[in-house]
Amino acid sequence: METTELIKKVRKIEIKTRGLTKQLFSGEYHSAFKGRGMAFNEVREYQAGDDIRSIDWNVTARYATPFVKVFEEERELTVVLLVDISGSQGFGTKLQFKRDLVTELCAVLSFSAIQNNDKIGLLFFSDEVEKFIPPKKGKYHALRIIRELLEFQPKGKGTNLSNALAYLTNVLKKKSIVFVISDFISKDYDAALKVASKKHDTVAIQIYDIAEEELPKVGIIRMLDSETNQHLWVDTNSKNVRESYKNWWDSNQKMLNISLNKNKVDLIKIRTDESYIGPLQNFFRKRENKR
């Protein structure tokens, strides 16, 4: 992509998503996440009404009188976008490709973070970890993330979510908010998700296309698997073919939901032909109500 064209695209996304952030998401983001990270501040003597779970038993034993730990809200949070950049992200049959939707969504989350003085980082993955941008603050860092989302070309075409989660768990020492953005057409990620979700506040965002839910009845068509580069002729008029595909999709969704529920990971589902505004706002409000 030419530099001038890239700058124009970055600017266009910045104008749109920063406006949405200020109008729609700033307050919701703050309410959903601020206060979830608490840092130890001091100990003081127990007072009537204090939560007994906050008692510091070591100090209590030392002074023979109850003391409690006092925590304060962390003023700075760390947000990391774990972004699937495999071959399937170039798919889309309606308004846009999955990757285009992911770029705009990540821009909104990035500007929401920096507007609240939080750090934002990015990890690209395919069947390997492609690139990691450590979390930092500031507008220029957010713009760098948008540029990378627009311009970066992965080496791999497959998907290995487990490997990406394991890498992130090792490299991120501080508890962070991790948005895993993928179509979740991947295998054997449950164990890695379990470890990551225990260490970090993990949120799954599934980006998918309507044609991935159910094969349209459009006759015999030649399909390309963008992750393996294999071509296949498929008779979409065949009821058995459509039912077989639907069963595969439903099975994949069932596996995803079981894994997320078991590991207490929230799920946001966004389709390429629908606006992400509603699902994102609903998620923020849901998280605020759970606090």
C-alpha atoms as a PDB file:
ATOM      1  CA  MET A   1       0.000   0.000   0.000  1.00  0.00           C
ATOM      2  CA  GLU A   2       1.346   3.442  -0.977  1.00  0.00           C
ATOM      3  CA  THR A   3       2.241   5.734   1.936  1.00  0.00           C
ATOM      4  CA  THR A   4      -0.222   8.455   0.916  1.00  0.00           C
ATOM      5  CA  GLU A   5      -3.028   5.914   0.535  1.00  0.00           C
ATOM      6  CA  LEU A   6      -2.197   4.393   3.920  1.00  0.00           C
ATOM      7  CA  ILE A   7      -2.234   7.809   5.607  1.00  0.00           C
ATOM      8  CA  LYS A   8      -5.648   8.562   4.094  1.00  0.00           C
ATOM      9  CA  LYS A   9      -7.059   5.253   5.313  1.00  0.00           C
ATOM     10  CA  VAL A  10      -5.641   5.725   8.802  1.00  0.00           C
ATOM     11  CA  ARG A  11      -7.077   9.233   8.954  1.00  0.00           C
ATOM     12  CA  LYS A  12     -10.506   8.072   7.738  1.00  0.00           C
ATOM     13  CA  ILE A  13     -10.680   5.338  10.383  1.00  0.00           C
ATOM     14  CA  GLU A  14      -9.397   7.726  13.059  1.00  0.00           C
ATOM     15  CA  ILE A  15     -12.092  10.323  12.327  1.00  0.00           C
ATOM     16  CA  LYS A  16     -14.913   7.773  12.353  1.00  0.00           C
ATOM     17  CA  THR A  17     -13.843   5.703  15.342  1.00  0.00           C
ATOM     18  CA  ARG A  18     -12.698   8.573  17.558  1.00  0.00           C
ATOM     19  CA  GLY A  19     -16.078  10.199  17.013  1.00  0.00           C
ATOM     20  CA  LEU A  20     -17.857   6.978  17.984  1.00  0.00           C
ATOM     21  CA  THR A  21     -15.599   6.603  21.004  1.00  0.00           C
ATOM     22  CA  LYS A  22     -16.437  10.072  22.320  1.00  0.00           C
ATOM     23  CA  GLN A  23     -20.150   9.839  21.591  1.00  0.00           C
ATOM     24  CA  LEU A  24     -20.927   6.232  22.460  1.00  0.00           C
ATOM     25  CA  PHE A  25     -18.195   4.209  24.089  1.00  0.00           C
ATOM     26  CA  SER A  26     -16.132   6.381  26.420  1.00  0.00           C
ATOM     27  CA  GLY A  27     -18.493   6.263  29.391  1.00  0.00           C
ATOM     28  CA  GLU A  28     -19.422   2.619  28.823  1.00  0.00           C
ATOM     29  CA  TYR A  29     -15.776   1.541  28.604  1.00  0.00           C
ATOM     30  CA  HIS A  30     -14.887   3.375  31.790  1.00  0.00           C
ATOM     31  CA  SER A  31     -17.848   1.947  33.691  1.00  0.00           C
ATOM     32  CA  ALA A  32     -17.182  -1.595  32.463  1.00  0.00           C
ATOM     33  CA  PHE A  33     -13.502  -1.779  33.347  1.00  0.00           C
ATOM     34  CA  LYS A  34     -12.446   0.946  35.762  1.00  0.00           C
ATOM     35  CA  GLY A  35     -12.418  -0.346  39.293  1.00  0.00           C
ATOM     36  CA  ARG A  36     -11.984  -3.963  38.212  1.00  0.00           C
ATOM     37  CA  GLY A  37      -8.253  -3.647  38.786  1.00  0.00           C
ATOM     38  CA  MET A  38      -7.459  -2.957  42.445  1.00  0.00           C
ATOM     39  CA  ALA A  39      -4.008  -2.315  43.888  1.00  0.00           C
ATOM     40  CA  PHE A  40      -2.925  -2.745  47.517  1.00  0.00           C
ATOM     41  CA  ASN A  41      -2.551   0.575  49.314  1.00  0.00           C
ATOM     42  CA  GLU A  42      -2.204   0.081  53.086  1.00  0.00           C
ATOM     43  CA  VAL A  43      -3.446  -1.750  56.189  1.00  0.00           C
ATOM     44  CA  ARG A  44      -5.578  -0.245  58.944  1.00  0.00           C
ATOM     45  CA  GLU A  45      -7.425  -1.455  62.006  1.00  0.00           C
ATOM     46  CA  TYR A  46     -10.659  -3.342  61.431  1.00  0.00           C
ATOM     47  CA  GLN A  47     -13.842  -1.242  61.613  1.00  0.00           C
ATOM     48  CA  ALA A  48     -17.440  -2.381  61.971  1.00  0.00           C
ATOM     49  CA  GLY A  49     -18.819  -3.210  58.533  1.00  0.00           C
ATOM     50  CA  ASP A  50     -15.472  -4.143  56.934  1.00  0.00           C
ATOM     51  CA  ASP A  51     -15.443  -7.261  54.784  1.00  0.00           C
ATOM     52  CA  ILE A  52     -13.810 -10.034  56.826  1.00  0.00           C
ATOM     53  CA  ARG A  53     -12.263 -11.344  53.603  1.00  0.00           C
ATOM     54  CA  SER A  54      -9.980  -8.290  53.579  1.00  0.00           C
ATOM     55  CA  ILE A  55      -8.432  -9.109  56.998  1.00  0.00           C
ATOM     56  CA  ASP A  56      -4.633  -9.285  56.896  1.00  0.00           C
ATOM     57  CA  TRP A  57      -4.046 -12.277  59.136  1.00  0.00           C
ATOM     58  CA  ASN A  58      -0.278 -11.793  59.401  1.00  0.00           C
ATOM     59  CA  VAL A  59      -0.585  -8.224  60.696  1.00  0.00           C
ATOM     60  CA  THR A  60      -3.549  -9.220  62.878  1.00  0.00           C
ATOM     61  CA  ALA A  61      -1.475 -11.954  64.537  1.00  0.00           C
ATOM     62  CA  ARG A  62       1.472  -9.625  65.044  1.00  0.00           C
ATOM     63  CA  TYR A  63      -0.513  -6.925  66.847  1.00  0.00           C
ATOM     64  CA  ALA A  64      -3.204  -9.150  68.377  1.00  0.00           C
ATOM     65  CA  THR A  65      -5.934  -6.939  66.960  1.00  0.00           C
ATOM     66  CA  PRO A  66      -7.754  -7.169  63.618  1.00  0.00           C
ATOM     67  CA  PHE A  67      -6.264  -5.294  60.642  1.00  0.00           C
ATOM     68  CA  VAL A  68      -7.650  -5.150  57.104  1.00  0.00           C
ATOM     69  CA  LYS A  69      -6.009  -4.569  53.742  1.00  0.00           C
ATOM     70  CA  VAL A  70      -7.075  -1.396  51.947  1.00  0.00           C
ATOM     71  CA  PHE A  71      -7.115  -1.385  48.168  1.00  0.00           C
ATOM     72  CA  GLU A  72      -7.523   1.448  45.713  1.00  0.00           C
ATOM     73  CA  GLU A  73      -8.645   1.506  42.108  1.00  0.00           C
ATOM     74  CA  GLU A  74      -5.811   1.176  39.664  1.00  0.00           C
ATOM     75  CA  ARG A  75      -5.615   4.421  37.751  1.00  0.00           C
ATOM     76  CA  GLU A  76      -4.069   2.750  34.754  1.00  0.00           C
ATOM     77  CA  LEU A  77      -5.230  -0.422  33.024  1.00  0.00           C
ATOM     78  CA  THR A  78      -3.555  -2.422  30.298  1.00  0.00           C
ATOM     79  CA  VAL A  79      -5.601  -3.554  27.293  1.00  0.00           C
ATOM     80  CA  VAL A  80      -4.266  -6.012  24.716  1.00  0.00           C
ATOM     81  CA  LEU A  81      -5.902  -6.914  21.402  1.00  0.00           C
ATOM     82  CA  LEU A  82      -5.177 -10.512  20.398  1.00  0.00           C
ATOM     83  CA  VAL A  83      -6.054 -10.420  16.695  1.00  0.00           C
ATOM     84  CA  ASP A  84      -6.539 -13.361  14.343  1.00  0.00           C
ATOM     85  CA  ILE A  85      -4.898 -12.462  11.046  1.00  0.00           C
ATOM     86  CA  SER A  86      -5.147 -15.884   9.366  1.00  0.00           C
ATOM     87  CA  GLY A  87      -6.326 -16.437   5.797  1.00  0.00           C
ATOM     88  CA  SER A  88      -9.990 -16.727   6.792  1.00  0.00           C
ATOM     89  CA  GLN A  89     -10.022 -13.062   7.836  1.00  0.00           C
ATOM     90  CA  GLY A  90     -10.103 -12.109   4.164  1.00  0.00           C
ATOM     91  CA  PHE A  91     -13.575 -13.599   3.816  1.00  0.00           C
ATOM     92  CA  GLY A  92     -16.823 -11.632   3.535  1.00  0.00           C
ATOM     93  CA  THR A  93     -19.947 -11.897   1.377  1.00  0.00           C
ATOM     94  CA  LYS A  94     -21.929  -8.792   2.306  1.00  0.00           C
ATOM     95  CA  LEU A  95     -20.809  -5.339   3.435  1.00  0.00           C
ATOM     96  CA  GLN A  96     -17.154  -5.977   4.250  1.00  0.00           C
ATOM     97  CA  PHE A  97     -14.420  -8.517   4.845  1.00  0.00           C
ATOM     98  CA  LYS A  98     -13.827  -9.788   8.356  1.00  0.00           C
ATOM     99  CA  ARG A  99     -10.430  -8.086   8.486  1.00  0.00           C
ATOM    100  CA  ASP A 100     -11.949  -4.670   7.656  1.00  0.00           C
ATOM    101  CA  LEU A 101     -14.444  -5.047  10.491  1.00  0.00           C
ATOM    102  CA  VAL A 102     -11.676  -6.139  12.862  1.00  0.00           C
ATOM    103  CA  THR A 103      -9.612  -3.056  11.978  1.00  0.00           C
ATOM    104  CA  GLU A 104     -12.435  -0.662  12.785  1.00  0.00           C
ATOM    105  CA  LEU A 105     -13.366  -2.509  15.958  1.00  0.00           C
ATOM    106  CA  CYS A 106      -9.761  -2.465  17.190  1.00  0.00           C
ATOM    107  CA  ALA A 107      -9.563   1.253  16.471  1.00  0.00           C
ATOM    108  CA  VAL A 108     -12.624   1.880  18.662  1.00  0.00           C
ATOM    109  CA  LEU A 109     -11.174  -0.180  21.504  1.00  0.00           C
ATOM    110  CA  SER A 110      -7.789   1.532  21.137  1.00  0.00           C
ATOM    111  CA  PHE A 111      -9.212   5.053  21.300  1.00  0.00           C
ATOM    112  CA  SER A 112     -11.480   4.045  24.200  1.00  0.00           C
ATOM    113  CA  ALA A 113      -8.388   2.876  26.091  1.00  0.00           C
ATOM    114  CA  ILE A 114      -6.222   5.920  25.457  1.00  0.00           C
ATOM    115  CA  GLN A 115      -9.092   8.300  26.204  1.00  0.00           C
ATOM    116  CA  ASN A 116      -9.197   6.705  29.660  1.00  0.00           C
ATOM    117  CA  ASN A 117      -5.408   6.990  29.995  1.00  0.00           C
ATOM    118  CA  ASP A 118      -4.892   3.237  29.678  1.00  0.00           C
ATOM    119  CA  LYS A 119      -2.215   1.350  27.792  1.00  0.00           C
ATOM    120  CA  ILE A 120      -3.093  -0.502  24.600  1.00  0.00           C
ATOM    121  CA  GLY A 121      -1.137  -3.320  22.941  1.00  0.00           C
ATOM    122  CA  LEU A 122      -1.578  -5.640  19.966  1.00  0.00           C
ATOM    123  CA  LEU A 123      -0.667  -9.217  19.100  1.00  0.00           C
ATOM    124  CA  PHE A 124      -1.192 -10.616  15.598  1.00  0.00           C
ATOM    125  CA  PHE A 125      -1.451 -14.373  15.196  1.00  0.00           C
ATOM    126  CA  SER A 126      -2.074 -16.909  12.445  1.00  0.00           C
ATOM    127  CA  ASP A 127      -0.703 -20.422  12.871  1.00  0.00           C
ATOM    128  CA  GLU A 128       2.223 -18.615  14.519  1.00  0.00           C
ATOM    129  CA  VAL A 129       2.695 -15.467  16.558  1.00  0.00           C
ATOM    130  CA  GLU A 130       3.200 -12.888  13.818  1.00  0.00           C
ATOM    131  CA  LYS A 131       3.896  -9.670  15.724  1.00  0.00           C
ATOM    132  CA  PHE A 132       3.607  -8.273  19.241  1.00  0.00           C
ATOM    133  CA  ILE A 133       3.357  -4.542  19.937  1.00  0.00           C
ATOM    134  CA  PRO A 134       3.832  -3.961  23.690  1.00  0.00           C
ATOM    135  CA  PRO A 135       1.176  -1.858  25.464  1.00  0.00           C
ATOM    136  CA  LYS A 136       1.749   1.887  25.575  1.00  0.00           C
ATOM    137  CA  LYS A 137      -0.290   5.042  26.033  1.00  0.00           C
ATOM    138  CA  GLY A 138      -1.076   7.885  23.692  1.00  0.00           C
ATOM    139  CA  LYS A 139      -2.730   8.839  20.427  1.00  0.00           C
ATOM    140  CA  TYR A 140       0.330   8.145  18.283  1.00  0.00           C
ATOM    141  CA  HIS A 141       0.582   4.626  19.648  1.00  0.00           C
ATOM    142  CA  ALA A 142      -3.097   4.032  18.814  1.00  0.00           C
ATOM    143  CA  LEU A 143      -2.482   5.327  15.287  1.00  0.00           C
ATOM    144  CA  ARG A 144       0.460   2.953  14.935  1.00  0.00           C
ATOM    145  CA  ILE A 145      -1.846   0.064  15.840  1.00  0.00           C
ATOM    146  CA  ILE A 146      -4.329   1.157  13.155  1.00  0.00           C
ATOM    147  CA  ARG A 147      -1.527   1.380  10.570  1.00  0.00           C
ATOM    148  CA  GLU A 148      -0.396  -2.143  11.441  1.00  0.00           C
ATOM    149  CA  LEU A 149      -3.965  -3.445  11.173  1.00  0.00           C
ATOM    150  CA  LEU A 150      -4.274  -1.941   7.702  1.00  0.00           C
ATOM    151  CA  GLU A 151      -0.856  -2.831   6.349  1.00  0.00           C
ATOM    152  CA  PHE A 152       0.490  -5.944   8.062  1.00  0.00           C
ATOM    153  CA  GLN A 153       0.855  -9.062   5.913  1.00  0.00           C
ATOM    154  CA  PRO A 154       1.105 -12.349   7.824  1.00  0.00           C
ATOM    155  CA  LYS A 155       3.534 -15.136   7.025  1.00  0.00           C
ATOM    156  CA  GLY A 156       1.107 -17.904   7.950  1.00  0.00           C
ATOM    157  CA  LYS A 157      -2.396 -18.608   6.697  1.00  0.00           C
ATOM    158  CA  GLY A 158      -3.619 -21.118   9.287  1.00  0.00           C
ATOM    159  CA  THR A 159      -4.924 -20.508  12.816  1.00  0.00           C
ATOM    160  CA  ASN A 160      -3.361 -21.527  16.122  1.00  0.00           C
ATOM    161  CA  LEU A 161      -5.176 -19.718  18.915  1.00  0.00           C
ATOM    162  CA  SER A 162      -3.637 -21.923  21.597  1.00  0.00           C
ATOM    163  CA  ASN A 163      -0.117 -20.852  20.643  1.00  0.00           C
ATOM    164  CA  ALA A 164      -1.088 -17.166  20.668  1.00  0.00           C
ATOM    165  CA  LEU A 165      -2.742 -17.411  24.099  1.00  0.00           C
ATOM    166  CA  ALA A 166       0.276 -19.207  25.545  1.00  0.00           C
ATOM    167  CA  TYR A 167       2.634 -16.558  24.163  1.00  0.00           C
ATOM    168  CA  LEU A 168       0.549 -13.736  25.598  1.00  0.00           C
ATOM    169  CA  THR A 169       0.349 -15.408  29.009  1.00  0.00           C
ATOM    170  CA  ASN A 170       4.135 -15.606  29.121  1.00  0.00           C
ATOM    171  CA  VAL A 171       4.885 -12.114  27.863  1.00  0.00           C
ATOM    172  CA  LEU A 172       2.256 -10.177  29.862  1.00  0.00           C
ATOM    173  CA  LYS A 173       3.339 -10.048  33.491  1.00  0.00           C
ATOM    174  CA  LYS A 174       0.678  -7.624  34.717  1.00  0.00           C
ATOM    175  CA  LYS A 175      -3.022  -8.528  34.860  1.00  0.00           C
ATOM    176  CA  SER A 176      -4.574  -7.071  31.725  1.00  0.00           C
ATOM    177  CA  ILE A 177      -7.819  -6.850  29.790  1.00  0.00           C
ATOM    178  CA  VAL A 178      -7.408  -9.125  26.766  1.00  0.00           C
ATOM    179  CA  PHE A 179      -9.772  -8.998  23.788  1.00  0.00           C
ATOM    180  CA  VAL A 180      -9.397 -12.156  21.690  1.00  0.00           C
ATOM    181  CA  ILE A 181     -10.697 -11.181  18.239  1.00  0.00           C
ATOM    182  CA  SER A 182     -11.152 -14.133  15.890  1.00  0.00           C
ATOM    183  CA  ASP A 183     -13.661 -16.257  14.009  1.00  0.00           C
ATOM    184  CA  PHE A 184     -12.627 -19.046  16.426  1.00  0.00           C
ATOM    185  CA  ILE A 185     -12.319 -21.601  13.657  1.00  0.00           C
ATOM    186  CA  SER A 186      -9.473 -23.230  15.525  1.00  0.00           C
ATOM    187  CA  LYS A 187      -8.819 -26.395  17.528  1.00  0.00           C
ATOM    188  CA  ASP A 188      -7.492 -27.364  20.944  1.00  0.00           C
ATOM    189  CA  TYR A 189      -7.377 -23.915  22.534  1.00  0.00           C
ATOM    190  CA  ASP A 190      -9.304 -24.763  25.715  1.00  0.00           C
ATOM    191  CA  ALA A 191      -6.272 -25.477  27.935  1.00  0.00           C
ATOM    192  CA  ALA A 192      -4.477 -22.281  26.883  1.00  0.00           C
ATOM    193  CA  LEU A 193      -7.660 -20.254  27.340  1.00  0.00           C
ATOM    194  CA  LYS A 194      -8.037 -21.638  30.864  1.00  0.00           C
ATOM    195  CA  VAL A 195      -4.560 -20.408  31.828  1.00  0.00           C
ATOM    196  CA  ALA A 196      -4.999 -17.011  30.137  1.00  0.00           C
ATOM    197  CA  SER A 197      -8.427 -16.340  31.641  1.00  0.00           C
ATOM    198  CA  LYS A 198      -7.160 -17.056  35.161  1.00  0.00           C
ATOM    199  CA  LYS A 199      -4.396 -14.489  34.762  1.00  0.00           C
ATOM    200  CA  HIS A 200      -6.214 -11.866  32.687  1.00  0.00           C
ATOM    201  CA  ASP A 201      -9.707 -10.415  32.274  1.00  0.00           C
ATOM    202  CA  THR A 202     -10.370 -12.141  28.949  1.00  0.00           C
ATOM    203  CA  VAL A 203     -13.112 -11.257  26.457  1.00  0.00           C
ATOM    204  CA  ALA A 204     -13.827 -13.164  23.225  1.00  0.00           C
ATOM    205  CA  ILE A 205     -15.068 -11.280  20.159  1.00  0.00           C
ATOM    206  CA  GLN A 206     -16.222 -13.615  17.396  1.00  0.00           C
ATOM    207  CA  ILE A 207     -16.197 -12.056  13.917  1.00  0.00           C
ATOM    208  CA  TYR A 208     -18.062 -14.128  11.344  1.00  0.00           C
ATOM    209  CA  ASP A 209     -19.958 -13.941   8.047  1.00  0.00           C
ATOM    210  CA  ILE A 210     -23.550 -14.964   7.401  1.00  0.00           C
ATOM    211  CA  ALA A 211     -22.373 -17.465   4.759  1.00  0.00           C
ATOM    212  CA  GLU A 212     -20.276 -19.214   7.420  1.00  0.00           C
ATOM    213  CA  GLU A 213     -23.376 -19.927   9.506  1.00  0.00           C
ATOM    214  CA  GLU A 214     -25.245 -21.617   6.694  1.00  0.00           C
ATOM    215  CA  LEU A 215     -24.330 -22.410   3.085  1.00  0.00           C
ATOM    216  CA  PRO A 216     -26.488 -20.433   0.641  1.00  0.00           C
ATOM    217  CA  LYS A 217     -28.301 -22.427  -2.043  1.00  0.00           C
ATOM    218  CA  VAL A 218     -26.537 -21.108  -5.152  1.00  0.00           C
ATOM    219  CA  GLY A 219     -25.770 -24.221  -7.198  1.00  0.00           C
ATOM    220  CA  ILE A 220     -22.373 -25.800  -7.858  1.00  0.00           C
ATOM    221  CA  ILE A 221     -19.609 -23.410  -6.857  1.00  0.00           C
ATOM    222  CA  ARG A 222     -15.845 -23.560  -6.601  1.00  0.00           C
ATOM    223  CA  MET A 223     -14.643 -22.776  -3.080  1.00  0.00           C
ATOM    224  CA  LEU A 224     -11.189 -21.834  -1.855  1.00  0.00           C
ATOM    225  CA  ASP A 225      -9.966 -22.639   1.643  1.00  0.00           C
ATOM    226  CA  SER A 226      -7.987 -19.467   2.320  1.00  0.00           C
ATOM    227  CA  GLU A 227      -5.970 -21.148   5.071  1.00  0.00           C
ATOM    228  CA  THR A 228      -4.851 -24.188   3.014  1.00  0.00           C
ATOM    229  CA  ASN A 229      -5.183 -22.794  -0.552  1.00  0.00           C
ATOM    230  CA  GLN A 230      -7.174 -25.892  -1.530  1.00  0.00           C
ATOM    231  CA  HIS A 231      -9.960 -25.574  -4.116  1.00  0.00           C
ATOM    232  CA  LEU A 232     -13.120 -27.642  -3.869  1.00  0.00           C
ATOM    233  CA  TRP A 233     -16.259 -27.923  -5.976  1.00  0.00           C
ATOM    234  CA  VAL A 234     -19.366 -27.878  -3.769  1.00  0.00           C
ATOM    235  CA  ASP A 235     -22.977 -28.543  -4.764  1.00  0.00           C
ATOM    236  CA  THR A 236     -24.865 -26.130  -2.540  1.00  0.00           C
ATOM    237  CA  ASN A 237     -28.173 -27.321  -4.016  1.00  0.00           C
ATOM    238  CA  SER A 238     -27.648 -30.594  -2.149  1.00  0.00           C
ATOM    239  CA  LYS A 239     -29.611 -30.690   1.101  1.00  0.00           C
ATOM    240  CA  ASN A 240     -27.154 -33.218   2.544  1.00  0.00           C
ATOM    241  CA  VAL A 241     -24.210 -30.939   1.790  1.00  0.00           C
ATOM    242  CA  ARG A 242     -25.901 -27.946   3.422  1.00  0.00           C
ATOM    243  CA  GLU A 243     -26.971 -29.977   6.464  1.00  0.00           C
ATOM    244  CA  SER A 244     -23.495 -31.463   6.853  1.00  0.00           C
ATOM    245  CA  TYR A 245     -21.958 -28.001   6.792  1.00  0.00           C
ATOM    246  CA  LYS A 246     -24.548 -26.649   9.251  1.00  0.00           C
ATOM    247  CA  ASN A 247     -23.795 -29.517  11.635  1.00  0.00           C
ATOM    248  CA  TRP A 248     -20.081 -28.690  11.456  1.00  0.00           C
ATOM    249  CA  TRP A 249     -20.738 -25.013  12.184  1.00  0.00           C
ATOM    250  CA  ASP A 250     -23.083 -25.793  15.083  1.00  0.00           C
ATOM    251  CA  SER A 251     -20.551 -28.226  16.542  1.00  0.00           C
ATOM    252  CA  ASN A 252     -17.822 -25.584  16.360  1.00  0.00           C
ATOM    253  CA  GLN A 253     -20.087 -23.037  18.081  1.00  0.00           C
ATOM    254  CA  LYS A 254     -21.011 -25.524  20.781  1.00  0.00           C
ATOM    255  CA  MET A 255     -17.351 -26.223  21.496  1.00  0.00           C
ATOM    256  CA  LEU A 256     -16.637 -22.489  21.655  1.00  0.00           C
ATOM    257  CA  ASN A 257     -19.517 -21.786  24.045  1.00  0.00           C
ATOM    258  CA  ILE A 258     -18.581 -24.661  26.338  1.00  0.00           C
ATOM    259  CA  SER A 259     -14.982 -23.481  26.536  1.00  0.00           C
ATOM    260  CA  LEU A 260     -15.910 -19.843  27.178  1.00  0.00           C
ATOM    261  CA  ASN A 261     -18.538 -20.669  29.807  1.00  0.00           C
ATOM    262  CA  LYS A 262     -16.216 -23.070  31.612  1.00  0.00           C
ATOM    263  CA  ASN A 263     -13.458 -20.467  31.742  1.00  0.00           C
ATOM    264  CA  LYS A 264     -15.817 -17.561  32.540  1.00  0.00           C
ATOM    265  CA  VAL A 265     -14.955 -15.648  29.373  1.00  0.00           C
ATOM    266  CA  ASP A 266     -17.567 -13.238  27.980  1.00  0.00           C
ATOM    267  CA  LEU A 267     -18.492 -13.523  24.298  1.00  0.00           C
ATOM    268  CA  ILE A 268     -19.386 -10.757  21.829  1.00  0.00           C
ATOM    269  CA  LYS A 269     -20.663 -12.006  18.464  1.00  0.00           C
ATOM    270  CA  ILE A 270     -20.420  -9.597  15.505  1.00  0.00           C
ATOM    271  CA  ARG A 271     -21.396 -10.422  11.910  1.00  0.00           C
ATOM    272  CA  THR A 272     -19.792  -8.723   8.915  1.00  0.00           C
ATOM    273  CA  ASP A 273     -23.136  -7.430   7.596  1.00  0.00           C
ATOM    274  CA  GLU A 274     -24.176  -5.924  10.946  1.00  0.00           C
ATOM    275  CA  SER A 275     -23.030  -2.924  12.972  1.00  0.00           C
ATOM    276  CA  TYR A 276     -20.645  -3.604  15.856  1.00  0.00           C
ATOM    277  CA  ILE A 277     -22.033  -0.656  17.852  1.00  0.00           C
ATOM    278  CA  GLY A 278     -24.973  -2.491  19.424  1.00  0.00           C
ATOM    279  CA  PRO A 279     -23.089  -5.650  20.472  1.00  0.00           C
ATOM    280  CA  LEU A 280     -20.221  -3.607  21.928  1.00  0.00           C
ATOM    281  CA  GLN A 281     -22.525  -1.277  23.872  1.00  0.00           C
ATOM    282  CA  ASN A 282     -24.539  -4.224  25.197  1.00  0.00           C
ATOM    283  CA  PHE A 283     -21.345  -5.877  26.381  1.00  0.00           C
ATOM    284  CA  PHE A 284     -20.121  -2.760  28.211  1.00  0.00           C
ATOM    285  CA  ARG A 285     -23.481  -2.312  29.921  1.00  0.00           C
ATOM    286  CA  LYS A 286     -23.635  -5.981  30.873  1.00  0.00           C
ATOM    287  CA  ARG A 287     -20.200  -5.758  32.462  1.00  0.00           C
ATOM    288  CA  GLU A 288     -21.164  -2.595  34.320  1.00  0.00           C
ATOM    289  CA  ASN A 289     -24.259  -4.321  35.766  1.00  0.00           C
ATOM    290  CA  LYS A 290     -22.161  -7.296  36.924  1.00  0.00           C
ATOM    291  CA  ARG A 291     -19.942  -5.069  39.073  1.00  0.00           C
END
